[in-house]
Amino acid sequence: MKTIEFETELRDDKRLTIPDRLASALPTHGRATVIVCVNADPEDRVWRKASYAQFLRDESDEDAVYDKYR
């Protein structure tokens, strides 16, 4: 699964705008799952980005504890 994260303004017409630089990287047809997070605490955003970066690291040393369960 490919994920793209961005911030956008919520508008009265109930439409979400995808920034042009990201929209051009999306397929021209198909389906997507959309998750909307609102009123995020700035500290939550920092934690979420750090945890996501950790998740994307391939086989980090911290995950070695789980190797015996493979």
C-alpha atoms as a PDB file:
ATOM      1  CA  MET A   1       0.000   0.000   0.000  1.00  0.00           C
ATOM      2  CA  LYS A   2       1.295   3.433  -0.900  1.00  0.00           C
ATOM      3  CA  THR A   3       0.481   6.247   1.515  1.00  0.00           C
ATOM      4  CA  ILE A   4       0.554   9.985   0.968  1.00  0.00           C
ATOM      5  CA  GLU A   5       0.157  12.440   3.814  1.00  0.00           C
ATOM      6  CA  PHE A   6      -0.710  16.109   3.437  1.00  0.00           C
ATOM      7  CA  GLU A   7      -2.599  18.895   5.160  1.00  0.00           C
ATOM      8  CA  THR A   8      -5.520  20.688   3.569  1.00  0.00           C
ATOM      9  CA  GLU A   9      -8.128  23.227   4.595  1.00  0.00           C
ATOM     10  CA  LEU A  10     -11.646  22.078   5.427  1.00  0.00           C
ATOM     11  CA  ARG A  11     -14.224  24.076   3.481  1.00  0.00           C
ATOM     12  CA  ASP A  12     -17.954  24.688   3.678  1.00  0.00           C
ATOM     13  CA  ASP A  13     -18.579  22.773   0.444  1.00  0.00           C
ATOM     14  CA  LYS A  14     -17.371  19.528   2.121  1.00  0.00           C
ATOM     15  CA  ARG A  15     -14.588  18.907  -0.427  1.00  0.00           C
ATOM     16  CA  LEU A  16     -10.995  18.025   0.343  1.00  0.00           C
ATOM     17  CA  THR A  17      -8.356  19.414  -1.974  1.00  0.00           C
ATOM     18  CA  ILE A  18      -5.299  17.317  -2.801  1.00  0.00           C
ATOM     19  CA  PRO A  19      -2.225  19.476  -3.466  1.00  0.00           C
ATOM     20  CA  ASP A  20      -1.241  19.475  -7.155  1.00  0.00           C
ATOM     21  CA  ARG A  21       2.254  18.135  -6.428  1.00  0.00           C
ATOM     22  CA  LEU A  22       0.702  15.029  -4.839  1.00  0.00           C
ATOM     23  CA  ALA A  23      -2.309  14.657  -7.112  1.00  0.00           C
ATOM     24  CA  SER A  24      -0.038  14.207 -10.115  1.00  0.00           C
ATOM     25  CA  ALA A  25       1.566  11.181  -8.390  1.00  0.00           C
ATOM     26  CA  LEU A  26      -1.773   9.389  -7.907  1.00  0.00           C
ATOM     27  CA  PRO A  27      -3.268   6.898 -10.346  1.00  0.00           C
ATOM     28  CA  THR A  28      -5.836   8.390 -12.725  1.00  0.00           C
ATOM     29  CA  HIS A  29      -8.534   5.879 -11.702  1.00  0.00           C
ATOM     30  CA  GLY A  30      -9.323   3.343  -9.012  1.00  0.00           C
ATOM     31  CA  ARG A  31     -10.249   3.576  -5.353  1.00  0.00           C
ATOM     32  CA  ALA A  32      -8.464   5.009  -2.337  1.00  0.00           C
ATOM     33  CA  THR A  33      -8.969   4.804   1.401  1.00  0.00           C
ATOM     34  CA  VAL A  34      -9.148   8.232   3.021  1.00  0.00           C
ATOM     35  CA  ILE A  35      -8.532   8.903   6.711  1.00  0.00           C
ATOM     36  CA  VAL A  36      -9.221  12.417   7.988  1.00  0.00           C
ATOM     37  CA  CYS A  37      -7.651  13.573  11.268  1.00  0.00           C
ATOM     38  CA  VAL A  38      -8.864  16.914  12.573  1.00  0.00           C
ATOM     39  CA  ASN A  39      -7.887  19.147  15.487  1.00  0.00           C
ATOM     40  CA  ALA A  40      -4.619  17.309  15.952  1.00  0.00           C
ATOM     41  CA  ASP A  41      -2.541  18.307  18.940  1.00  0.00           C
ATOM     42  CA  PRO A  42       0.882  19.530  17.692  1.00  0.00           C
ATOM     43  CA  GLU A  43       2.587  17.063  20.052  1.00  0.00           C
ATOM     44  CA  ASP A  44       0.541  14.224  18.538  1.00  0.00           C
ATOM     45  CA  ARG A  45       1.723  15.226  15.077  1.00  0.00           C
ATOM     46  CA  VAL A  46       5.377  15.097  16.167  1.00  0.00           C
ATOM     47  CA  TRP A  47       4.859  11.683  17.785  1.00  0.00           C
ATOM     48  CA  ARG A  48       2.980  10.336  14.753  1.00  0.00           C
ATOM     49  CA  LYS A  49       5.692  11.426  12.309  1.00  0.00           C
ATOM     50  CA  ALA A  50       8.434   9.944  14.496  1.00  0.00           C
ATOM     51  CA  SER A  51       6.604   6.638  14.906  1.00  0.00           C
ATOM     52  CA  TYR A  52       5.894   6.467  11.161  1.00  0.00           C
ATOM     53  CA  ALA A  53       9.570   7.077  10.386  1.00  0.00           C
ATOM     54  CA  GLN A  54      10.498   4.300  12.808  1.00  0.00           C
ATOM     55  CA  PHE A  55       7.968   1.983  11.184  1.00  0.00           C
ATOM     56  CA  LEU A  56       9.454   2.584   7.735  1.00  0.00           C
ATOM     57  CA  ARG A  57      12.968   1.707   8.856  1.00  0.00           C
ATOM     58  CA  ASP A  58      13.798  -1.766   7.613  1.00  0.00           C
ATOM     59  CA  GLU A  59      14.639  -4.201  10.420  1.00  0.00           C
ATOM     60  CA  SER A  60      15.763  -1.693  13.025  1.00  0.00           C
ATOM     61  CA  ASP A  61      17.753  -2.923  16.023  1.00  0.00           C
ATOM     62  CA  GLU A  62      14.783  -2.268  18.299  1.00  0.00           C
ATOM     63  CA  ASP A  63      12.738  -4.844  16.359  1.00  0.00           C
ATOM     64  CA  ALA A  64      15.293  -7.645  16.764  1.00  0.00           C
ATOM     65  CA  VAL A  65      13.439  -8.829  19.870  1.00  0.00           C
ATOM     66  CA  TYR A  66      10.637 -10.070  17.582  1.00  0.00           C
ATOM     67  CA  ASP A  67      12.899 -12.141  15.310  1.00  0.00           C
ATOM     68  CA  LYS A  68      12.390 -15.300  17.366  1.00  0.00           C
ATOM     69  CA  TYR A  69       8.637 -15.218  16.546  1.00  0.00           C
ATOM     70  CA  ARG A  70       9.109 -15.517  12.775  1.00  0.00           C
END
